[in-house]
């Protein structure tokens, strides 16, 4: 099982997966706050102009994006 690790250190929206990465069957997504002093508010969303239901990460599929108020680690297991 492959694992993708992202350390998010900015409040700007960032891609975790971009369309074409080929991660079509993620087993889990874990988000962990790395700042003990503050709560993290996290927005995690699929981004595609059309249907956001399908888990299609091909070049014509979706991107997975995150926006957080604090530093967080994100682990995607595939």
Protein backbone atom coordinates (compact mmCIF):
# COMPACT_ATOMS: atom_id res chain seq x y z
CA UNK A 1 0.00 0.00 0.00
CA UNK A 2 1.54 3.31 -1.06
CA UNK A 3 1.29 6.37 1.16
CA UNK A 4 1.31 10.06 0.21
CA UNK A 5 2.31 12.50 2.98
CA UNK A 6 1.67 16.24 2.88
CA UNK A 7 2.75 18.75 5.52
CA UNK A 8 0.46 21.77 5.16
CA UNK A 9 2.04 24.95 6.58
CA UNK A 10 0.02 27.72 4.96
CA UNK A 11 -3.60 28.82 5.01
CA UNK A 12 -3.71 28.98 1.20
CA UNK A 13 -5.72 26.30 -0.58
CA UNK A 14 -3.39 23.57 -1.82
CA UNK A 15 -3.78 20.50 -4.01
CA UNK A 16 -3.28 17.17 -2.26
CA UNK A 17 -3.97 15.33 -5.50
CA UNK A 18 -4.10 16.92 -8.91
CA UNK A 19 -6.08 15.53 -11.80
CA UNK A 20 -3.94 12.90 -13.46
CA UNK A 21 -2.15 11.62 -10.32
CA UNK A 22 -3.97 8.30 -10.78
CA UNK A 23 -5.08 7.79 -7.16
CA UNK A 24 -8.49 6.27 -7.89
CA UNK A 25 -8.98 4.06 -4.83
CA UNK A 26 -7.67 5.79 -1.70
CA UNK A 27 -8.11 3.56 1.35
CA UNK A 28 -8.07 6.41 3.88
CA UNK A 29 -7.30 10.09 4.38
CA UNK A 30 -5.99 11.08 7.82
CA UNK A 31 -5.57 14.71 8.91
CA UNK A 32 -3.62 15.53 12.08
CA UNK A 33 -3.19 18.93 13.71
CA UNK A 34 0.52 19.63 14.32
CA UNK A 35 -0.15 22.73 16.47
CA UNK A 36 -0.98 21.76 20.05
CA UNK A 37 -1.93 25.31 21.07
CA UNK A 38 -4.72 25.92 18.51
CA UNK A 39 -7.58 24.00 16.96
CA UNK A 40 -7.28 23.48 13.21
CA UNK A 41 -10.26 24.30 11.02
CA UNK A 42 -9.90 22.29 7.83
CA UNK A 43 -11.76 22.44 4.52
CA UNK A 44 -11.19 19.34 2.41
CA UNK A 45 -12.94 19.19 -0.93
CA UNK A 46 -13.02 17.55 -4.32
CA UNK A 47 -12.67 19.91 -7.23
CA UNK A 48 -14.06 19.29 -10.66
CA UNK A 49 -16.17 21.51 -12.86
CA UNK A 50 -18.82 18.86 -13.32
CA UNK A 51 -19.80 15.84 -11.19
CA UNK A 52 -17.92 15.70 -7.86
CA UNK A 53 -19.29 12.27 -6.89
CA UNK A 54 -17.00 9.98 -8.85
CA UNK A 55 -13.57 9.08 -7.47
CA UNK A 56 -11.76 9.63 -10.75
CA UNK A 57 -8.22 11.01 -10.43
CA UNK A 58 -7.29 10.60 -14.09
CA UNK A 59 -6.28 13.64 -16.13
CA UNK A 60 -9.98 14.32 -16.79
CA UNK A 61 -10.97 13.62 -13.18
CA UNK A 62 -10.94 15.50 -9.90
CA UNK A 63 -8.34 17.22 -7.74
CA UNK A 64 -8.39 16.91 -3.94
CA UNK A 65 -7.68 20.21 -2.19
CA UNK A 66 -7.22 21.34 1.40
CA UNK A 67 -7.33 24.63 3.28
CA UNK A 68 -6.43 24.78 6.99
CA UNK A 69 -6.12 27.52 9.60
CA UNK A 70 -3.20 25.72 11.29
CA UNK A 71 -0.32 23.43 10.29
CA UNK A 72 -1.58 19.91 9.63
CA UNK A 73 -0.19 16.66 8.28
CA UNK A 74 -2.26 14.76 5.73
CA UNK A 75 -1.72 11.08 4.96
CA UNK A 76 -3.42 9.51 1.95
CA UNK A 77 -3.15 5.71 1.80
CA UNK A 78 -3.71 4.11 -1.54
